[in-house]
Amino acid sequence: SPKTTISAVSVRHRGGDWTNSATVN
């Protein structure tokens, strides 16, 4: 397997859709 790499982080808040903004509260 290739080396583990993270290319993107998405966040889905309760009741919402996936967003590219990696912000949490």
PDB file of all heavy atoms in Angstrom:
ATOM      1  N   SER A   1       0.843  -1.202   0.000  1.00  0.00           N
ATOM      2  CA  SER A   1       0.000   0.000   0.000  1.00  0.00           C
ATOM      3  C   SER A   1       0.869   1.239   0.000  1.00  0.00           C
ATOM      4  O   SER A   1       1.976   1.237   0.535  1.00  0.00           O
ATOM      5  CB  SER A   1      -0.907   0.015   1.239  1.00  0.00           C
ATOM      6  OG  SER A   1      -1.677  -1.161   1.326  1.00  0.00           O
ATOM      7  N   PRO A   2       0.379   2.314  -0.608  1.00  0.00           N
ATOM      8  CA  PRO A   2       1.129   3.577  -0.548  1.00  0.00           C
ATOM      9  C   PRO A   2       1.150   4.125   0.874  1.00  0.00           C
ATOM     10  O   PRO A   2       0.365   3.706   1.732  1.00  0.00           O
ATOM     11  CB  PRO A   2       0.365   4.488  -1.503  1.00  0.00           C
ATOM     12  CG  PRO A   2      -1.018   3.927  -1.535  1.00  0.00           C
ATOM     13  CD  PRO A   2      -0.867   2.450  -1.365  1.00  0.00           C
ATOM     14  N   LYS A   3       1.995   5.070   1.105  1.00  0.00           N
ATOM     15  CA  LYS A   3       2.094   5.695   2.416  1.00  0.00           C
ATOM     16  C   LYS A   3       0.789   6.425   2.721  1.00  0.00           C
ATOM     17  O   LYS A   3       0.181   7.045   1.854  1.00  0.00           O
ATOM     18  CB  LYS A   3       3.265   6.674   2.439  1.00  0.00           C
ATOM     19  CG  LYS A   3       3.509   7.320   3.784  1.00  0.00           C
ATOM     20  CD  LYS A   3       4.699   8.264   3.724  1.00  0.00           C
ATOM     21  CE  LYS A   3       4.936   8.929   5.071  1.00  0.00           C
ATOM     22  NZ  LYS A   3       6.090   9.867   5.031  1.00  0.00           N
ATOM     23  N   THR A   4       0.369   6.307   3.971  1.00  0.00           N
ATOM     24  CA  THR A   4      -0.877   6.960   4.379  1.00  0.00           C
ATOM     25  C   THR A   4      -0.734   8.474   4.274  1.00  0.00           C
ATOM     26  O   THR A   4       0.140   9.078   4.892  1.00  0.00           O
ATOM     27  CB  THR A   4      -1.238   6.569   5.817  1.00  0.00           C
ATOM     28  OG1 THR A   4      -1.424   5.153   5.891  1.00  0.00           O
ATOM     29  CG2 THR A   4      -2.512   7.266   6.262  1.00  0.00           C
ATOM     30  N   THR A   5      -1.594   9.061   3.465  1.00  0.00           N
ATOM     31  CA  THR A   5      -1.606  10.516   3.306  1.00  0.00           C
ATOM     32  C   THR A   5      -3.047  11.004   3.345  1.00  0.00           C
ATOM     33  O   THR A   5      -3.967  10.320   2.883  1.00  0.00           O
ATOM     34  CB  THR A   5      -0.975  10.947   1.976  1.00  0.00           C
ATOM     35  OG1 THR A   5      -1.648  10.288   0.882  1.00  0.00           O
ATOM     36  CG2 THR A   5       0.494  10.596   1.943  1.00  0.00           C
ATOM     37  N   ILE A   6      -3.244  12.190   3.916  1.00  0.00           N
ATOM     38  CA  ILE A   6      -4.554  12.833   3.982  1.00  0.00           C
ATOM     39  C   ILE A   6      -4.542  14.000   3.013  1.00  0.00           C
ATOM     40  O   ILE A   6      -3.749  14.931   3.147  1.00  0.00           O
ATOM     41  CB  ILE A   6      -4.874  13.311   5.405  1.00  0.00           C
ATOM     42  CG1 ILE A   6      -4.909  12.121   6.372  1.00  0.00           C
ATOM     43  CG2 ILE A   6      -6.205  14.058   5.438  1.00  0.00           C
ATOM     44  CD1 ILE A   6      -5.125  12.516   7.813  1.00  0.00           C
ATOM     45  N   SER A   7      -5.429  13.942   2.034  1.00  0.00           N
ATOM     46  CA  SER A   7      -5.481  15.004   1.027  1.00  0.00           C
ATOM     47  C   SER A   7      -6.594  16.007   1.280  1.00  0.00           C
ATOM     48  O   SER A   7      -6.528  17.142   0.808  1.00  0.00           O
ATOM     49  CB  SER A   7      -5.656  14.398  -0.367  1.00  0.00           C
ATOM     50  OG  SER A   7      -6.847  13.623  -0.428  1.00  0.00           O
ATOM     51  N   ALA A   8      -7.641  15.599   1.999  1.00  0.00           N
ATOM     52  CA  ALA A   8      -8.763  16.507   2.238  1.00  0.00           C
ATOM     53  C   ALA A   8      -9.446  16.127   3.537  1.00  0.00           C
ATOM     54  O   ALA A   8      -9.514  14.949   3.912  1.00  0.00           O
ATOM     55  CB  ALA A   8      -9.767  16.462   1.082  1.00  0.00           C
ATOM     56  N   VAL A   9      -9.971  17.141   4.229  1.00  0.00           N
ATOM     57  CA  VAL A   9     -10.723  16.962   5.472  1.00  0.00           C
ATOM     58  C   VAL A   9     -12.068  17.669   5.294  1.00  0.00           C
ATOM     59  O   VAL A   9     -12.116  18.847   4.943  1.00  0.00           O
ATOM     60  CB  VAL A   9      -9.979  17.536   6.689  1.00  0.00           C
ATOM     61  CG1 VAL A   9     -10.808  17.346   7.955  1.00  0.00           C
ATOM     62  CG2 VAL A   9      -8.612  16.876   6.847  1.00  0.00           C
ATOM     63  N   SER A  10     -13.161  16.930   5.516  1.00  0.00           N
ATOM     64  CA  SER A  10     -14.510  17.493   5.422  1.00  0.00           C
ATOM     65  C   SER A  10     -15.216  17.298   6.747  1.00  0.00           C
ATOM     66  O   SER A  10     -14.942  16.339   7.482  1.00  0.00           O
ATOM     67  CB  SER A  10     -15.309  16.827   4.298  1.00  0.00           C
ATOM     68  OG  SER A  10     -14.629  16.920   3.064  1.00  0.00           O
ATOM     69  N   VAL A  11     -16.139  18.192   7.039  1.00  0.00           N
ATOM     70  CA  VAL A  11     -16.874  18.170   8.306  1.00  0.00           C
ATOM     71  C   VAL A  11     -18.359  18.262   7.999  1.00  0.00           C
ATOM     72  O   VAL A  11     -18.776  19.036   7.137  1.00  0.00           O
ATOM     73  CB  VAL A  11     -16.442  19.327   9.234  1.00  0.00           C
ATOM     74  CG1 VAL A  11     -17.322  19.377  10.483  1.00  0.00           C
ATOM     75  CG2 VAL A  11     -14.982  19.178   9.639  1.00  0.00           C
ATOM     76  N   ARG A  12     -19.141  17.453   8.702  1.00  0.00           N
ATOM     77  CA  ARG A  12     -20.601  17.529   8.613  1.00  0.00           C
ATOM     78  C   ARG A  12     -21.158  17.762  10.010  1.00  0.00           C
ATOM     79  O   ARG A  12     -21.009  16.927  10.899  1.00  0.00           O
ATOM     80  CB  ARG A  12     -21.202  16.252   8.029  1.00  0.00           C
ATOM     81  CG  ARG A  12     -22.725  16.346   7.817  1.00  0.00           C
ATOM     82  CD  ARG A  12     -23.255  15.124   7.080  1.00  0.00           C
ATOM     83  NE  ARG A  12     -23.154  13.937   7.909  1.00  0.00           N
ATOM     84  CZ  ARG A  12     -24.082  13.561   8.791  1.00  0.00           C
ATOM     85  NH1 ARG A  12     -25.166  14.289   8.950  1.00  0.00           N
ATOM     86  NH2 ARG A  12     -23.922  12.470   9.502  1.00  0.00           N
ATOM     87  N   HIS A  13     -21.780  18.926  10.200  1.00  0.00           N
ATOM     88  CA  HIS A  13     -22.414  19.247  11.465  1.00  0.00           C
ATOM     89  C   HIS A  13     -23.773  18.571  11.537  1.00  0.00           C
ATOM     90  O   HIS A  13     -24.360  18.188  10.525  1.00  0.00           O
ATOM     91  CB  HIS A  13     -22.556  20.767  11.621  1.00  0.00           C
ATOM     92  CG  HIS A  13     -21.234  21.490  11.541  1.00  0.00           C
ATOM     93  ND1 HIS A  13     -20.460  21.763  12.650  1.00  0.00           N
ATOM     94  CD2 HIS A  13     -20.545  21.977  10.481  1.00  0.00           C
ATOM     95  CE1 HIS A  13     -19.363  22.402  12.274  1.00  0.00           C
ATOM     96  NE2 HIS A  13     -19.389  22.541  10.953  1.00  0.00           N
ATOM     97  N   ARG A  14     -24.300  18.413  12.754  1.00  0.00           N
ATOM     98  CA  ARG A  14     -25.582  17.742  12.945  1.00  0.00           C
ATOM     99  C   ARG A  14     -26.672  18.428  12.129  1.00  0.00           C
ATOM    100  O   ARG A  14     -26.871  19.647  12.227  1.00  0.00           O
ATOM    101  CB  ARG A  14     -25.997  17.771  14.416  1.00  0.00           C
ATOM    102  CG  ARG A  14     -25.067  17.066  15.377  1.00  0.00           C
ATOM    103  CD  ARG A  14     -25.043  15.572  15.144  1.00  0.00           C
ATOM    104  NE  ARG A  14     -24.014  15.176  14.189  1.00  0.00           N
ATOM    105  CZ  ARG A  14     -23.862  13.989  13.726  1.00  0.00           C
ATOM    106  NH1 ARG A  14     -24.698  13.044  14.074  1.00  0.00           N
ATOM    107  NH2 ARG A  14     -22.903  13.698  12.887  1.00  0.00           N
ATOM    108  N   GLY A  15     -27.389  17.642  11.305  1.00  0.00           N
ATOM    109  CA  GLY A  15     -28.484  18.170  10.509  1.00  0.00           C
ATOM    110  C   GLY A  15     -28.055  18.892   9.253  1.00  0.00           C
ATOM    111  O   GLY A  15     -28.906  19.437   8.551  1.00  0.00           O
ATOM    112  N   GLY A  16     -26.736  18.923   8.944  1.00  0.00           N
ATOM    113  CA  GLY A  16     -26.260  19.645   7.769  1.00  0.00           C
ATOM    114  C   GLY A  16     -25.633  18.715   6.744  1.00  0.00           C
ATOM    115  O   GLY A  16     -25.682  17.485   6.853  1.00  0.00           O
ATOM    116  N   ASP A  17     -25.019  19.319   5.741  1.00  0.00           N
ATOM    117  CA  ASP A  17     -24.346  18.580   4.685  1.00  0.00           C
ATOM    118  C   ASP A  17     -22.836  18.679   4.879  1.00  0.00           C
ATOM    119  O   ASP A  17     -22.328  19.467   5.687  1.00  0.00           O
ATOM    120  CB  ASP A  17     -24.734  19.150   3.313  1.00  0.00           C
ATOM    121  CG  ASP A  17     -26.224  18.981   3.025  1.00  0.00           C
ATOM    122  OD1 ASP A  17     -26.781  17.960   3.464  1.00  0.00           O
ATOM    123  OD2 ASP A  17     -26.799  19.870   2.378  1.00  0.00           O
ATOM    124  N   TRP A  18     -22.113  17.886   4.104  1.00  0.00           N
ATOM    125  CA  TRP A  18     -20.661  17.910   4.170  1.00  0.00           C
ATOM    126  C   TRP A  18     -20.138  19.248   3.633  1.00  0.00           C
ATOM    127  O   TRP A  18     -20.594  19.743   2.604  1.00  0.00           O
ATOM    128  CB  TRP A  18     -20.063  16.765   3.357  1.00  0.00           C
ATOM    129  CG  TRP A  18     -20.283  15.417   3.978  1.00  0.00           C
ATOM    130  CD1 TRP A  18     -21.198  14.479   3.614  1.00  0.00           C
ATOM    131  CD2 TRP A  18     -19.571  14.868   5.091  1.00  0.00           C
ATOM    132  NE1 TRP A  18     -21.101  13.377   4.419  1.00  0.00           N
ATOM    133  CE2 TRP A  18     -20.105  13.578   5.330  1.00  0.00           C
ATOM    134  CE3 TRP A  18     -18.531  15.326   5.890  1.00  0.00           C
ATOM    135  CZ2 TRP A  18     -19.641  12.764   6.347  1.00  0.00           C
ATOM    136  CZ3 TRP A  18     -18.069  14.512   6.916  1.00  0.00           C
ATOM    137  CH2 TRP A  18     -18.620  13.251   7.131  1.00  0.00           C
ATOM    138  N   THR A  19     -19.179  19.815   4.349  1.00  0.00           N
ATOM    139  CA  THR A  19     -18.554  21.074   3.940  1.00  0.00           C
ATOM    140  C   THR A  19     -17.043  20.895   3.945  1.00  0.00           C
ATOM    141  O   THR A  19     -16.489  20.084   4.697  1.00  0.00           O
ATOM    142  CB  THR A  19     -18.940  22.222   4.884  1.00  0.00           C
ATOM    143  OG1 THR A  19     -18.451  21.940   6.210  1.00  0.00           O
ATOM    144  CG2 THR A  19     -20.455  22.400   4.933  1.00  0.00           C
ATOM    145  N   ASN A  20     -16.373  21.684   3.105  1.00  0.00           N
ATOM    146  CA  ASN A  20     -14.915  21.628   3.047  1.00  0.00           C
ATOM    147  C   ASN A  20     -14.257  22.441   4.149  1.00  0.00           C
ATOM    148  O   ASN A  20     -13.032  22.429   4.285  1.00  0.00           O
ATOM    149  CB  ASN A  20     -14.430  22.133   1.683  1.00  0.00           C
ATOM    150  CG  ASN A  20     -14.866  21.221   0.547  1.00  0.00           C
ATOM    151  OD1 ASN A  20     -14.976  20.009   0.729  1.00  0.00           O
ATOM    152  ND2 ASN A  20     -15.149  21.792  -0.615  1.00  0.00           N
ATOM    153  N   SER A  21     -15.056  23.173   4.923  1.00  0.00           N
ATOM    154  CA  SER A  21     -14.524  23.966   6.026  1.00  0.00           C
ATOM    155  C   SER A  21     -14.267  23.055   7.223  1.00  0.00           C
ATOM    156  O   SER A  21     -15.202  22.478   7.780  1.00  0.00           O
ATOM    157  CB  SER A  21     -15.508  25.074   6.406  1.00  0.00           C
ATOM    158  OG  SER A  21     -15.041  25.786   7.525  1.00  0.00           O
ATOM    159  N   ALA A  22     -13.011  22.922   7.614  1.00  0.00           N
ATOM    160  CA  ALA A  22     -12.637  22.022   8.717  1.00  0.00           C
ATOM    161  C   ALA A  22     -12.710  22.755  10.043  1.00  0.00           C
ATOM    162  O   ALA A  22     -11.772  22.739  10.841  1.00  0.00           O
ATOM    163  CB  ALA A  22     -11.244  21.448   8.493  1.00  0.00           C
ATOM    164  N   THR A  23     -13.831  23.402  10.318  1.00  0.00           N
ATOM    165  CA  THR A  23     -14.016  24.121  11.573  1.00  0.00           C
ATOM    166  C   THR A  23     -15.076  23.426  12.399  1.00  0.00           C
ATOM    167  O   THR A  23     -16.092  22.959  11.876  1.00  0.00           O
ATOM    168  CB  THR A  23     -14.435  25.580  11.314  1.00  0.00           C
ATOM    169  OG1 THR A  23     -15.651  25.588  10.563  1.00  0.00           O
ATOM    170  CG2 THR A  23     -13.354  26.318  10.554  1.00  0.00           C
ATOM    171  N   VAL A  24     -14.840  23.342  13.696  1.00  0.00           N
ATOM    172  CA  VAL A  24     -15.780  22.746  14.636  1.00  0.00           C
ATOM    173  C   VAL A  24     -15.974  23.714  15.790  1.00  0.00           C
ATOM    174  O   VAL A  24     -15.186  24.637  15.985  1.00  0.00           O
ATOM    175  CB  VAL A  24     -15.275  21.379  15.155  1.00  0.00           C
ATOM    176  CG1 VAL A  24     -15.199  20.365  14.028  1.00  0.00           C
ATOM    177  CG2 VAL A  24     -13.912  21.514  15.820  1.00  0.00           C
ATOM    178  N   ASN A  25     -17.032  23.459  16.563  1.00  0.00           N
ATOM    179  CA  ASN A  25     -17.369  24.321  17.688  1.00  0.00           C
ATOM    180  C   ASN A  25     -17.276  23.549  18.990  1.00  0.00           C
ATOM    181  O   ASN A  25     -17.483  22.334  19.020  1.00  0.00           O
ATOM    182  CB  ASN A  25     -18.787  24.878  17.522  1.00  0.00           C
ATOM    183  CG  ASN A  25     -18.962  25.617  16.209  1.00  0.00           C
ATOM    184  OD1 ASN A  25     -19.619  25.151  15.301  1.00  0.00           O
ATOM    185  ND2 ASN A  25     -18.350  26.776  16.104  1.00  0.00           N
TER     186      ASN A  25
END
